Amino acid sequence: MQATLTSPFRIGDVEISNRILLAPLAGIGNWFVRLQARRHGAGLAVSEMVSSFALHHRNRRTLDELLVIDPAEHPVSVQLFGHDPEAMRSAARIAAEAGADLIDINMGCPVRKVCKTGAGAALLSDHDLAVRLATAAIEGSQRPVTVKLRSGREPGDDSGMELAVRLAGAGVAAIAFHPRPASVQHAGSPDRGLVRELVDRVDVPVIVSGGLRSAADARRAYDASGAAAVMIARGALGNPWIFEELAGRRAASPRPDEVMRELRWVMDRAEQHFGAARAAPYLRKFYPWYLERLGLPKRANRPLQSASTLAQARDLVARLARPDTDVHDRAPTRFAGALAPAPA
């Protein structure tokens, strides 16, 4: 009988408090995004992709920004990508020394600039190299190593399935499986039957990912696949409450004041991490996700995208949150008043 999503499980010697995980989010999953997921009930959060070469060569910005781990995050996983086993061995050791409890290797990213280096989904075509990379990470980190991969490179290709079986036999502690070919990226429907097939073929936890936009999607995928856990990616963007839903801690959608409070929390953490000047452009990707949660139309996001400083963005958010601003009113004039820049 399949365990409940709220029951603990182990990846290697690391106990995870539940089976609801945050996926690695490229360009997004830094320490405060991971901490946010943990605050709302995720059992584990995985970092955004980190270059093994950048760590191996001790790139200062990579070390100072991408390896920041908050004490409240543990257990935490750091995802690495690359194609050189010695660089992977070194990078895994550095990530472990920085506090990573687990190491994850990306073998499914379909982005061209990653694949053309021989990393990401390109490894679905070179199983020997993929196994050497995983072995190097295990040896370098002395931590449980997991791998996230796709079912194949093209439709009808089962190379990801076969690679996953080899990796499990080589000592990888868990497999996060996205059952769509890399070439389609996020189009089409994931084949949950492939996940169930993999579950039957390996003796390590299989984590289902891909296409989990809502708590209902995640529950259906968990039930259909027989997986050990679910891994939420896009469904968590601007919606950390999805973890509370899956953990049984929330039934209703967040109130507008909860959404605004969470957005301000993200803004504060971004300023803490990047400084005000760099936080201002960085946060532009976050605003649409939170305004969508408020039921606002896309045009309501324009002033925030145009804000040149974090102070201006804070002012816009503060006026949006005023009690006399009905965030569910879709009249353009109301939004113009709520989000118009303050007079100079």
C-alpha atoms as a PDB file:
ATOM      1  CA  MET A   1       0.000   0.000   0.000  1.00  0.00           C
ATOM      2  CA  GLN A   2       1.349   3.431  -0.965  1.00  0.00           C
ATOM      3  CA  ALA A   3       2.307   5.708   1.914  1.00  0.00           C
ATOM      4  CA  THR A   4       0.513   9.007   2.449  1.00  0.00           C
ATOM      5  CA  LEU A   5       2.162  12.204   1.203  1.00  0.00           C
ATOM      6  CA  THR A   6       2.557  13.372   4.792  1.00  0.00           C
ATOM      7  CA  SER A   7       4.542  10.347   5.935  1.00  0.00           C
ATOM      8  CA  PRO A   8       8.340  10.538   6.214  1.00  0.00           C
ATOM      9  CA  PHE A   9      10.756   8.680   3.946  1.00  0.00           C
ATOM     10  CA  ARG A  10      14.509   8.390   3.503  1.00  0.00           C
ATOM     11  CA  ILE A  11      16.891   9.252   0.710  1.00  0.00           C
ATOM     12  CA  GLY A  12      20.022   7.366   1.647  1.00  0.00           C
ATOM     13  CA  ASP A  13      20.632   8.183   5.300  1.00  0.00           C
ATOM     14  CA  VAL A  14      18.705  11.481   5.170  1.00  0.00           C
ATOM     15  CA  GLU A  15      15.192  11.443   6.605  1.00  0.00           C
ATOM     16  CA  ILE A  16      12.666  13.661   4.820  1.00  0.00           C
ATOM     17  CA  SER A  17       9.679  14.696   6.938  1.00  0.00           C
ATOM     18  CA  ASN A  18       7.132  14.253   4.148  1.00  0.00           C
ATOM     19  CA  ARG A  19       6.894  13.355   0.469  1.00  0.00           C
ATOM     20  CA  ILE A  20       6.230  16.850  -0.893  1.00  0.00           C
ATOM     21  CA  LEU A  21       9.343  18.370  -2.448  1.00  0.00           C
ATOM     22  CA  LEU A  22      10.301  21.600  -4.205  1.00  0.00           C
ATOM     23  CA  ALA A  23      11.979  20.988  -7.557  1.00  0.00           C
ATOM     24  CA  PRO A  24      15.104  22.821  -8.695  1.00  0.00           C
ATOM     25  CA  LEU A  25      14.001  26.053 -10.404  1.00  0.00           C
ATOM     26  CA  ALA A  26      16.674  27.504 -12.687  1.00  0.00           C
ATOM     27  CA  GLY A  27      17.336  31.162 -11.928  1.00  0.00           C
ATOM     28  CA  ILE A  28      14.820  31.108  -9.082  1.00  0.00           C
ATOM     29  CA  GLY A  29      15.520  28.440  -6.455  1.00  0.00           C
ATOM     30  CA  ASN A  30      17.918  30.313  -4.206  1.00  0.00           C
ATOM     31  CA  TRP A  31      17.960  30.058  -0.413  1.00  0.00           C
ATOM     32  CA  PHE A  32      14.930  32.221   0.311  1.00  0.00           C
ATOM     33  CA  VAL A  33      12.708  30.542  -2.294  1.00  0.00           C
ATOM     34  CA  ARG A  34      13.689  27.193  -0.816  1.00  0.00           C
ATOM     35  CA  LEU A  35      13.122  28.503   2.708  1.00  0.00           C
ATOM     36  CA  GLN A  36       9.704  29.766   1.672  1.00  0.00           C
ATOM     37  CA  ALA A  37       8.764  26.277   0.464  1.00  0.00           C
ATOM     38  CA  ARG A  38       9.989  24.756   3.731  1.00  0.00           C
ATOM     39  CA  ARG A  39       8.046  27.352   5.769  1.00  0.00           C
ATOM     40  CA  HIS A  40       4.883  26.276   3.983  1.00  0.00           C
ATOM     41  CA  GLY A  41       5.410  22.558   4.460  1.00  0.00           C
ATOM     42  CA  ALA A  42       7.772  21.138   1.836  1.00  0.00           C
ATOM     43  CA  GLY A  43       9.782  18.240   3.229  1.00  0.00           C
ATOM     44  CA  LEU A  44      12.787  19.035   1.045  1.00  0.00           C
ATOM     45  CA  ALA A  45      13.777  21.827  -1.341  1.00  0.00           C
ATOM     46  CA  VAL A  46      16.369  21.481  -4.107  1.00  0.00           C
ATOM     47  CA  SER A  47      18.540  24.386  -5.212  1.00  0.00           C
ATOM     48  CA  GLU A  48      18.564  25.906  -8.653  1.00  0.00           C
ATOM     49  CA  MET A  49      21.087  24.417 -11.092  1.00  0.00           C
ATOM     50  CA  VAL A  50      24.690  25.204 -10.125  1.00  0.00           C
ATOM     51  CA  SER A  51      27.561  24.761 -12.556  1.00  0.00           C
ATOM     52  CA  SER A  52      30.026  22.119 -11.421  1.00  0.00           C
ATOM     53  CA  PHE A  53      32.747  23.958 -13.338  1.00  0.00           C
ATOM     54  CA  ALA A  54      31.963  27.230 -11.562  1.00  0.00           C
ATOM     55  CA  LEU A  55      32.290  25.534  -8.181  1.00  0.00           C
ATOM     56  CA  HIS A  56      35.367  23.564  -9.187  1.00  0.00           C
ATOM     57  CA  HIS A  57      37.088  26.786 -10.271  1.00  0.00           C
ATOM     58  CA  ARG A  58      35.698  28.588  -7.189  1.00  0.00           C
ATOM     59  CA  ASN A  59      33.876  31.297  -9.079  1.00  0.00           C
ATOM     60  CA  ARG A  60      33.268  33.924  -6.409  1.00  0.00           C
ATOM     61  CA  ARG A  61      29.737  34.890  -7.422  1.00  0.00           C
ATOM     62  CA  THR A  62      28.647  31.245  -7.581  1.00  0.00           C
ATOM     63  CA  LEU A  63      30.083  30.541  -4.147  1.00  0.00           C
ATOM     64  CA  ASP A  64      28.680  33.712  -2.576  1.00  0.00           C
ATOM     65  CA  GLU A  65      25.184  33.563  -4.076  1.00  0.00           C
ATOM     66  CA  LEU A  66      24.239  30.048  -5.166  1.00  0.00           C
ATOM     67  CA  LEU A  67      25.715  28.167  -2.217  1.00  0.00           C
ATOM     68  CA  VAL A  68      24.038  30.243   0.494  1.00  0.00           C
ATOM     69  CA  ILE A  69      22.077  27.904   2.780  1.00  0.00           C
ATOM     70  CA  ASP A  70      19.858  29.111   5.597  1.00  0.00           C
ATOM     71  CA  PRO A  71      20.032  27.004   8.795  1.00  0.00           C
ATOM     72  CA  ALA A  72      16.246  26.521   8.690  1.00  0.00           C
ATOM     73  CA  GLU A  73      16.408  24.841   5.260  1.00  0.00           C
ATOM     74  CA  HIS A  74      17.884  21.527   6.375  1.00  0.00           C
ATOM     75  CA  PRO A  75      17.675  19.013   4.952  1.00  0.00           C
ATOM     76  CA  VAL A  76      18.554  20.728   1.669  1.00  0.00           C
ATOM     77  CA  SER A  77      19.767  19.440  -1.685  1.00  0.00           C
ATOM     78  CA  VAL A  78      22.091  21.268  -4.090  1.00  0.00           C
ATOM     79  CA  GLN A  79      21.666  20.470  -7.774  1.00  0.00           C
ATOM     80  CA  LEU A  80      24.770  20.399  -9.963  1.00  0.00           C
ATOM     81  CA  PHE A  81      25.177  20.167 -13.727  1.00  0.00           C
ATOM     82  CA  GLY A  82      28.186  19.459 -15.886  1.00  0.00           C
ATOM     83  CA  HIS A  83      29.915  16.875 -18.048  1.00  0.00           C
ATOM     84  CA  ASP A  84      33.361  16.415 -16.454  1.00  0.00           C
ATOM     85  CA  PRO A  85      33.620  13.773 -13.688  1.00  0.00           C
ATOM     86  CA  GLU A  86      36.588  15.401 -11.957  1.00  0.00           C
ATOM     87  CA  ALA A  87      34.886  18.795 -11.886  1.00  0.00           C
ATOM     88  CA  MET A  88      31.733  17.072 -10.600  1.00  0.00           C
ATOM     89  CA  ARG A  89      33.706  15.326  -7.851  1.00  0.00           C
ATOM     90  CA  SER A  90      35.218  18.649  -6.753  1.00  0.00           C
ATOM     91  CA  ALA A  91      31.931  20.546  -6.979  1.00  0.00           C
ATOM     92  CA  ALA A  92      30.068  17.917  -4.961  1.00  0.00           C
ATOM     93  CA  ARG A  93      32.704  18.120  -2.235  1.00  0.00           C
ATOM     94  CA  ILE A  94      32.443  21.943  -2.154  1.00  0.00           C
ATOM     95  CA  ALA A  95      28.625  21.811  -2.007  1.00  0.00           C
ATOM     96  CA  ALA A  96      28.753  19.303   0.849  1.00  0.00           C
ATOM     97  CA  GLU A  97      31.231  21.482   2.727  1.00  0.00           C
ATOM     98  CA  ALA A  98      28.829  24.416   2.259  1.00  0.00           C
ATOM     99  CA  GLY A  99      26.123  22.427   4.060  1.00  0.00           C
ATOM    100  CA  ALA A 100      24.271  20.410   1.427  1.00  0.00           C
ATOM    101  CA  ASP A 101      22.669  17.305   2.919  1.00  0.00           C
ATOM    102  CA  LEU A 102      22.147  15.780  -0.522  1.00  0.00           C
ATOM    103  CA  ILE A 103      23.578  16.334  -3.990  1.00  0.00           C
ATOM    104  CA  ASP A 104      21.368  16.202  -7.080  1.00  0.00           C
ATOM    105  CA  ILE A 105      22.669  15.965 -10.652  1.00  0.00           C
ATOM    106  CA  ASN A 106      20.681  17.436 -13.522  1.00  0.00           C
ATOM    107  CA  MET A 107      20.422  14.979 -16.410  1.00  0.00           C
ATOM    108  CA  GLY A 108      17.216  16.295 -17.931  1.00  0.00           C
ATOM    109  CA  CYS A 109      17.549  20.012 -18.697  1.00  0.00           C
ATOM    110  CA  PRO A 110      16.519  20.502 -22.353  1.00  0.00           C
ATOM    111  CA  VAL A 111      17.971  24.022 -22.714  1.00  0.00           C
ATOM    112  CA  ARG A 112      20.329  24.199 -25.707  1.00  0.00           C
ATOM    113  CA  LYS A 113      23.158  26.055 -23.967  1.00  0.00           C
ATOM    114  CA  VAL A 114      23.282  23.334 -21.302  1.00  0.00           C
ATOM    115  CA  CYS A 115      22.968  20.383 -23.672  1.00  0.00           C
ATOM    116  CA  LYS A 116      25.596  21.633 -26.112  1.00  0.00           C
ATOM    117  CA  THR A 117      28.222  21.302 -23.356  1.00  0.00           C
ATOM    118  CA  GLY A 118      27.324  17.641 -22.895  1.00  0.00           C
ATOM    119  CA  ALA A 119      25.365  18.268 -19.683  1.00  0.00           C
ATOM    120  CA  GLY A 120      21.658  18.126 -18.855  1.00  0.00           C
ATOM    121  CA  ALA A 121      19.532  16.054 -21.238  1.00  0.00           C
ATOM    122  CA  ALA A 122      22.596  15.376 -23.433  1.00  0.00           C
ATOM    123  CA  LEU A 123      23.582  12.780 -20.832  1.00  0.00           C
ATOM    124  CA  LEU A 124      20.570  10.695 -21.848  1.00  0.00           C
ATOM    125  CA  SER A 125      22.685   9.797 -24.889  1.00  0.00           C
ATOM    126  CA  ASP A 126      25.864   8.960 -22.947  1.00  0.00           C
ATOM    127  CA  HIS A 127      25.022   6.569 -20.147  1.00  0.00           C
ATOM    128  CA  ASP A 128      28.615   5.669 -19.365  1.00  0.00           C
ATOM    129  CA  LEU A 129      29.489   9.309 -18.747  1.00  0.00           C
ATOM    130  CA  ALA A 130      26.309   9.811 -16.722  1.00  0.00           C
ATOM    131  CA  VAL A 131      27.271   6.927 -14.426  1.00  0.00           C
ATOM    132  CA  ARG A 132      30.815   8.274 -14.041  1.00  0.00           C
ATOM    133  CA  LEU A 133      29.425  11.681 -13.079  1.00  0.00           C
ATOM    134  CA  ALA A 134      27.129  10.170 -10.454  1.00  0.00           C
ATOM    135  CA  THR A 135      29.929   8.025  -9.041  1.00  0.00           C
ATOM    136  CA  ALA A 136      32.239  11.046  -8.865  1.00  0.00           C
ATOM    137  CA  ALA A 137      29.605  13.056  -6.994  1.00  0.00           C
ATOM    138  CA  ILE A 138      29.075  10.223  -4.497  1.00  0.00           C
ATOM    139  CA  GLU A 139      32.799   9.908  -3.885  1.00  0.00           C
ATOM    140  CA  GLY A 140      33.401  13.649  -3.710  1.00  0.00           C
ATOM    141  CA  SER A 141      30.524  14.592  -1.428  1.00  0.00           C
ATOM    142  CA  GLN A 142      30.142  11.521   0.780  1.00  0.00           C
ATOM    143  CA  ARG A 143      26.456  12.449   0.696  1.00  0.00           C
ATOM    144  CA  PRO A 144      23.458  10.698  -0.849  1.00  0.00           C
ATOM    145  CA  VAL A 145      23.333  11.613  -4.541  1.00  0.00           C
ATOM    146  CA  THR A 146      20.114  11.827  -6.524  1.00  0.00           C
ATOM    147  CA  VAL A 147      19.525  12.411 -10.223  1.00  0.00           C
ATOM    148  CA  LYS A 148      16.739  14.300 -11.988  1.00  0.00           C
ATOM    149  CA  LEU A 149      16.125  13.228 -15.559  1.00  0.00           C
ATOM    150  CA  ARG A 150      13.615  12.979 -18.385  1.00  0.00           C
ATOM    151  CA  SER A 151      12.172   9.821 -19.945  1.00  0.00           C
ATOM    152  CA  GLY A 152      14.211  10.383 -23.126  1.00  0.00           C
ATOM    153  CA  ARG A 153      15.408  12.978 -25.598  1.00  0.00           C
ATOM    154  CA  GLU A 154      12.711  12.487 -28.254  1.00  0.00           C
ATOM    155  CA  PRO A 155       9.195  10.998 -28.272  1.00  0.00           C
ATOM    156  CA  GLY A 156       9.403   7.218 -28.218  1.00  0.00           C
ATOM    157  CA  ASP A 157      12.908   7.275 -26.745  1.00  0.00           C
ATOM    158  CA  ASP A 158      13.225   5.330 -23.485  1.00  0.00           C
ATOM    159  CA  SER A 159      16.870   6.237 -22.814  1.00  0.00           C
ATOM    160  CA  GLY A 160      15.928   8.000 -19.581  1.00  0.00           C
ATOM    161  CA  MET A 161      14.284   4.873 -18.233  1.00  0.00           C
ATOM    162  CA  GLU A 162      17.302   2.727 -19.028  1.00  0.00           C
ATOM    163  CA  LEU A 163      19.707   5.313 -17.622  1.00  0.00           C
ATOM    164  CA  ALA A 164      17.687   5.551 -14.401  1.00  0.00           C
ATOM    165  CA  VAL A 165      17.979   1.779 -13.931  1.00  0.00           C
ATOM    166  CA  ARG A 166      21.757   1.934 -14.446  1.00  0.00           C
ATOM    167  CA  LEU A 167      22.129   4.845 -12.054  1.00  0.00           C
ATOM    168  CA  ALA A 168      20.150   3.072  -9.338  1.00  0.00           C
ATOM    169  CA  GLY A 169      22.468   0.114  -9.708  1.00  0.00           C
ATOM    170  CA  ALA A 170      25.516   2.398  -9.493  1.00  0.00           C
ATOM    171  CA  GLY A 171      24.627   3.773  -6.064  1.00  0.00           C
ATOM    172  CA  VAL A 172      22.347   6.737  -6.738  1.00  0.00           C
ATOM    173  CA  ALA A 173      20.030   7.136  -3.739  1.00  0.00           C
ATOM    174  CA  ALA A 174      16.872   8.346  -5.522  1.00  0.00           C
ATOM    175  CA  ILE A 175      15.613   9.242  -8.992  1.00  0.00           C
ATOM    176  CA  ALA A 176      13.411  12.249  -9.799  1.00  0.00           C
ATOM    177  CA  PHE A 177      11.676  11.282 -13.043  1.00  0.00           C
ATOM    178  CA  HIS A 178       9.931  13.688 -15.427  1.00  0.00           C
ATOM    179  CA  PRO A 179       8.052  11.386 -17.822  1.00  0.00           C
ATOM    180  CA  ARG A 180       8.160  13.614 -20.909  1.00  0.00           C
ATOM    181  CA  PRO A 181      10.888  13.709 -23.571  1.00  0.00           C
ATOM    182  CA  ALA A 182      13.310  16.614 -23.354  1.00  0.00           C
ATOM    183  CA  SER A 183      12.507  17.816 -26.871  1.00  0.00           C
ATOM    184  CA  VAL A 184       8.916  18.749 -25.967  1.00  0.00           C
ATOM    185  CA  GLN A 185      10.049  20.659 -22.851  1.00  0.00           C
ATOM    186  CA  HIS A 186       6.736  21.302 -21.029  1.00  0.00           C
ATOM    187  CA  ALA A 187       4.294  20.528 -23.853  1.00  0.00           C
ATOM    188  CA  GLY A 188       1.963  17.556 -23.825  1.00  0.00           C
ATOM    189  CA  SER A 189       0.929  15.343 -20.952  1.00  0.00           C
ATOM    190  CA  PRO A 190       3.420  13.453 -18.765  1.00  0.00           C
ATOM    191  CA  ASP A 191       3.145   9.675 -19.015  1.00  0.00           C
ATOM    192  CA  ARG A 192       2.683   8.594 -15.400  1.00  0.00           C
ATOM    193  CA  GLY A 193       2.714   4.963 -16.501  1.00  0.00           C
ATOM    194  CA  LEU A 194       6.430   5.328 -17.238  1.00  0.00           C
ATOM    195  CA  VAL A 195       7.006   6.366 -13.637  1.00  0.00           C
ATOM    196  CA  ARG A 196       5.161   3.308 -12.370  1.00  0.00           C
ATOM    197  CA  GLU A 197       7.274   1.124 -14.669  1.00  0.00           C
ATOM    198  CA  LEU A 198      10.445   2.661 -13.241  1.00  0.00           C
ATOM    199  CA  VAL A 199       9.183   2.171  -9.675  1.00  0.00           C
ATOM    200  CA  ASP A 200       8.857  -1.536 -10.449  1.00  0.00           C
ATOM    201  CA  ARG A 201      12.387  -1.747 -11.879  1.00  0.00           C
ATOM    202  CA  VAL A 202      14.511  -0.021  -9.219  1.00  0.00           C
ATOM    203  CA  ASP A 203      15.019  -0.385  -5.478  1.00  0.00           C
ATOM    204  CA  VAL A 204      15.491   3.321  -4.701  1.00  0.00           C
ATOM    205  CA  PRO A 205      12.810   5.994  -4.196  1.00  0.00           C
ATOM    206  CA  VAL A 206      11.363   7.356  -7.432  1.00  0.00           C
ATOM    207  CA  ILE A 207      10.052  10.907  -7.265  1.00  0.00           C
ATOM    208  CA  VAL A 208       7.455  11.967  -9.829  1.00  0.00           C
ATOM    209  CA  SER A 209       7.775  15.418 -11.385  1.00  0.00           C
ATOM    210  CA  GLY A 210       6.462  17.332 -14.387  1.00  0.00           C
ATOM    211  CA  GLY A 211       3.098  18.988 -15.014  1.00  0.00           C
ATOM    212  CA  LEU A 212       2.160  19.385 -11.354  1.00  0.00           C
ATOM    213  CA  ARG A 213       0.450  22.773 -11.537  1.00  0.00           C
ATOM    214  CA  SER A 214      -1.937  22.237  -8.629  1.00  0.00           C
ATOM    215  CA  ALA A 215      -2.334  20.161  -5.502  1.00  0.00           C
ATOM    216  CA  ALA A 216      -4.923  18.068  -7.333  1.00  0.00           C
ATOM    217  CA  ASP A 217      -2.440  17.404 -10.160  1.00  0.00           C
ATOM    218  CA  ALA A 218       0.167  16.302  -7.629  1.00  0.00           C
ATOM    219  CA  ARG A 219      -2.199  13.935  -5.840  1.00  0.00           C
ATOM    220  CA  ARG A 220      -3.311  12.353  -9.123  1.00  0.00           C
ATOM    221  CA  ALA A 221       0.302  11.910 -10.252  1.00  0.00           C
ATOM    222  CA  TYR A 222       1.271  10.370  -6.910  1.00  0.00           C
ATOM    223  CA  ASP A 223      -1.601   7.908  -6.992  1.00  0.00           C
ATOM    224  CA  ALA A 224      -1.191   7.001 -10.673  1.00  0.00           C
ATOM    225  CA  SER A 225       2.573   6.549 -10.581  1.00  0.00           C
ATOM    226  CA  GLY A 226       3.099   4.716  -7.316  1.00  0.00           C
ATOM    227  CA  ALA A 227       6.046   7.061  -6.703  1.00  0.00           C
ATOM    228  CA  ALA A 228       7.688   7.619  -3.328  1.00  0.00           C
ATOM    229  CA  ALA A 229       7.185  11.406  -3.473  1.00  0.00           C
ATOM    230  CA  VAL A 230       6.077  14.322  -5.636  1.00  0.00           C
ATOM    231  CA  MET A 231       8.287  17.189  -6.791  1.00  0.00           C
ATOM    232  CA  ILE A 232       6.583  20.533  -7.449  1.00  0.00           C
ATOM    233  CA  ALA A 233       8.130  23.038  -9.860  1.00  0.00           C
ATOM    234  CA  ARG A 234       5.963  25.565 -11.732  1.00  0.00           C
ATOM    235  CA  GLY A 235       3.015  24.864  -9.475  1.00  0.00           C
ATOM    236  CA  ALA A 236       4.944  26.527  -6.631  1.00  0.00           C
ATOM    237  CA  LEU A 237       5.690  29.788  -8.471  1.00  0.00           C
ATOM    238  CA  GLY A 238       3.968  32.478  -6.435  1.00  0.00           C
ATOM    239  CA  ASN A 239       2.050  29.703  -4.710  1.00  0.00           C
ATOM    240  CA  PRO A 240       3.914  28.303  -1.701  1.00  0.00           C
ATOM    241  CA  TRP A 241       0.488  27.424  -0.289  1.00  0.00           C
ATOM    242  CA  ILE A 242       0.462  24.368  -2.568  1.00  0.00           C
ATOM    243  CA  PHE A 243       2.706  22.674  -0.002  1.00  0.00           C
ATOM    244  CA  GLU A 244       0.220  23.432   2.768  1.00  0.00           C
ATOM    245  CA  GLU A 245      -2.598  21.998   0.647  1.00  0.00           C
ATOM    246  CA  LEU A 246      -0.705  18.792  -0.023  1.00  0.00           C
ATOM    247  CA  ALA A 247       0.301  18.503   3.634  1.00  0.00           C
ATOM    248  CA  GLY A 248      -3.330  18.841   4.721  1.00  0.00           C
ATOM    249  CA  ARG A 249      -2.705  22.150   6.488  1.00  0.00           C
ATOM    250  CA  ARG A 250      -4.903  24.265   4.206  1.00  0.00           C
ATOM    251  CA  ALA A 251      -8.185  23.779   2.374  1.00  0.00           C
ATOM    252  CA  ALA A 252      -8.970  27.317   1.193  1.00  0.00           C
ATOM    253  CA  SER A 253      -7.050  29.585  -1.169  1.00  0.00           C
ATOM    254  CA  PRO A 254      -4.915  32.244   0.517  1.00  0.00           C
ATOM    255  CA  ARG A 255      -6.628  35.526   1.350  1.00  0.00           C
ATOM    256  CA  PRO A 256      -5.444  38.699  -0.437  1.00  0.00           C
ATOM    257  CA  ASP A 257      -3.671  39.902   2.703  1.00  0.00           C
ATOM    258  CA  GLU A 258      -1.770  36.591   2.932  1.00  0.00           C
ATOM    259  CA  VAL A 259      -0.656  36.929  -0.685  1.00  0.00           C
ATOM    260  CA  MET A 260       0.510  40.508  -0.148  1.00  0.00           C
ATOM    261  CA  ARG A 261       2.343  39.569   3.045  1.00  0.00           C
ATOM    262  CA  GLU A 262       4.136  36.750   1.234  1.00  0.00           C
ATOM    263  CA  LEU A 263       5.118  39.026  -1.637  1.00  0.00           C
ATOM    264  CA  ARG A 264       6.570  41.548   0.802  1.00  0.00           C
ATOM    265  CA  TRP A 265       8.484  38.716   2.507  1.00  0.00           C
ATOM    266  CA  VAL A 266      10.024  37.733  -0.832  1.00  0.00           C
ATOM    267  CA  MET A 267      10.936  41.359  -1.557  1.00  0.00           C
ATOM    268  CA  ASP A 268      12.629  41.698   1.837  1.00  0.00           C
ATOM    269  CA  ARG A 269      14.623  38.502   1.347  1.00  0.00           C
ATOM    270  CA  ALA A 270      15.662  39.498  -2.181  1.00  0.00           C
ATOM    271  CA  GLU A 271      16.977  42.817  -0.885  1.00  0.00           C
ATOM    272  CA  GLN A 272      18.814  40.988   1.894  1.00  0.00           C
ATOM    273  CA  HIS A 273      20.422  38.617  -0.618  1.00  0.00           C
ATOM    274  CA  PHE A 274      21.141  40.846  -3.609  1.00  0.00           C
ATOM    275  CA  GLY A 275      20.986  44.394  -2.259  1.00  0.00           C
ATOM    276  CA  ALA A 276      18.320  46.863  -3.395  1.00  0.00           C
ATOM    277  CA  ALA A 277      19.868  47.687  -6.785  1.00  0.00           C
ATOM    278  CA  ARG A 278      20.018  44.083  -8.015  1.00  0.00           C
ATOM    279  CA  ALA A 279      16.844  42.969  -6.249  1.00  0.00           C
ATOM    280  CA  ALA A 280      14.752  45.459  -8.237  1.00  0.00           C
ATOM    281  CA  PRO A 281      15.167  43.781 -11.653  1.00  0.00           C
ATOM    282  CA  TYR A 282      15.387  40.282 -10.159  1.00  0.00           C
ATOM    283  CA  LEU A 283      11.946  40.590  -8.554  1.00  0.00           C
ATOM    284  CA  ARG A 284      10.188  41.458 -11.808  1.00  0.00           C
ATOM    285  CA  LYS A 285       9.748  37.762 -12.556  1.00  0.00           C
ATOM    286  CA  PHE A 286       7.936  37.275  -9.229  1.00  0.00           C
ATOM    287  CA  TYR A 287       5.287  40.008  -9.470  1.00  0.00           C
ATOM    288  CA  PRO A 288       3.071  38.353 -12.137  1.00  0.00           C
ATOM    289  CA  TRP A 289       2.835  35.154 -10.105  1.00  0.00           C
ATOM    290  CA  TYR A 290       1.546  36.959  -7.006  1.00  0.00           C
ATOM    291  CA  LEU A 291      -0.754  39.341  -8.873  1.00  0.00           C
ATOM    292  CA  GLU A 292      -2.301  36.326 -10.595  1.00  0.00           C
ATOM    293  CA  ARG A 293      -3.036  34.851  -7.166  1.00  0.00           C
ATOM    294  CA  LEU A 294      -4.911  38.076  -6.410  1.00  0.00           C
ATOM    295  CA  GLY A 295      -7.032  37.702  -9.543  1.00  0.00           C
ATOM    296  CA  LEU A 296      -5.572  40.819 -11.143  1.00  0.00           C
ATOM    297  CA  PRO A 297      -5.377  41.171 -14.931  1.00  0.00           C
ATOM    298  CA  LYS A 298      -2.007  41.132 -16.674  1.00  0.00           C
ATOM    299  CA  ARG A 299      -2.076  44.893 -17.236  1.00  0.00           C
ATOM    300  CA  ALA A 300      -1.906  45.418 -13.466  1.00  0.00           C
ATOM    301  CA  ASN A 301       1.653  44.114 -13.595  1.00  0.00           C
ATOM    302  CA  ARG A 302       2.958  46.800 -15.983  1.00  0.00           C
ATOM    303  CA  PRO A 303       3.798  49.490 -13.415  1.00  0.00           C
ATOM    304  CA  LEU A 304       5.749  46.976 -11.330  1.00  0.00           C
ATOM    305  CA  GLN A 305       7.705  45.904 -14.383  1.00  0.00           C
ATOM    306  CA  SER A 306       8.492  49.547 -15.076  1.00  0.00           C
ATOM    307  CA  ALA A 307       9.616  50.381 -11.534  1.00  0.00           C
ATOM    308  CA  SER A 308      13.284  51.302 -11.745  1.00  0.00           C
ATOM    309  CA  THR A 309      14.044  50.962  -8.035  1.00  0.00           C
ATOM    310  CA  LEU A 310      13.008  48.625  -5.255  1.00  0.00           C
ATOM    311  CA  ALA A 311      11.624  51.606  -3.341  1.00  0.00           C
ATOM    312  CA  GLN A 312       9.240  52.380  -6.210  1.00  0.00           C
ATOM    313  CA  ALA A 313       8.147  48.750  -6.366  1.00  0.00           C
ATOM    314  CA  ARG A 314       7.520  48.727  -2.610  1.00  0.00           C
ATOM    315  CA  ASP A 315       5.384  51.845  -2.925  1.00  0.00           C
ATOM    316  CA  LEU A 316       3.298  50.253  -5.674  1.00  0.00           C
ATOM    317  CA  VAL A 317       2.794  47.086  -3.629  1.00  0.00           C
ATOM    318  CA  ALA A 318       1.906  49.105  -0.522  1.00  0.00           C
ATOM    319  CA  ARG A 319      -0.789  51.042  -2.361  1.00  0.00           C
ATOM    320  CA  LEU A 320      -2.117  47.857  -3.933  1.00  0.00           C
ATOM    321  CA  ALA A 321      -2.546  46.444  -0.431  1.00  0.00           C
ATOM    322  CA  ARG A 322      -4.570  49.377   0.925  1.00  0.00           C
ATOM    323  CA  PRO A 323      -7.967  48.370   2.321  1.00  0.00           C
ATOM    324  CA  ASP A 324      -9.768  50.749  -0.061  1.00  0.00           C
ATOM    325  CA  THR A 325      -8.240  48.974  -3.093  1.00  0.00           C
ATOM    326  CA  ASP A 326     -10.405  46.073  -4.181  1.00  0.00           C
ATOM    327  CA  VAL A 327      -7.891  43.713  -5.757  1.00  0.00           C
ATOM    328  CA  HIS A 328     -10.657  41.616  -7.266  1.00  0.00           C
ATOM    329  CA  ASP A 329     -12.216  44.592  -9.051  1.00  0.00           C
ATOM    330  CA  ARG A 330     -11.164  44.262 -12.703  1.00  0.00           C
ATOM    331  CA  ALA A 331     -12.083  47.822 -13.725  1.00  0.00           C
ATOM    332  CA  PRO A 332      -9.072  49.461 -15.439  1.00  0.00           C
ATOM    333  CA  THR A 333      -9.641  52.779 -13.658  1.00  0.00           C
ATOM    334  CA  ARG A 334      -9.367  51.112 -10.262  1.00  0.00           C
ATOM    335  CA  PHE A 335      -6.036  49.559 -11.195  1.00  0.00           C
ATOM    336  CA  ALA A 336      -4.786  52.818 -12.585  1.00  0.00           C
ATOM    337  CA  GLY A 337      -5.426  54.435  -9.241  1.00  0.00           C
ATOM    338  CA  ALA A 338      -3.972  51.591  -7.217  1.00  0.00           C
ATOM    339  CA  LEU A 339      -0.814  51.059  -9.220  1.00  0.00           C
ATOM    340  CA  ALA A 340       0.025  54.437 -10.728  1.00  0.00           C
ATOM    341  CA  PRO A 341       3.529  55.625  -9.785  1.00  0.00           C
ATOM    342  CA  ALA A 342       3.676  58.113  -6.933  1.00  0.00           C
ATOM    343  CA  PRO A 343       4.131  61.783  -7.919  1.00  0.00           C
ATOM    344  CA  ALA A 344       7.743  62.919  -7.989  1.00  0.00           C
END
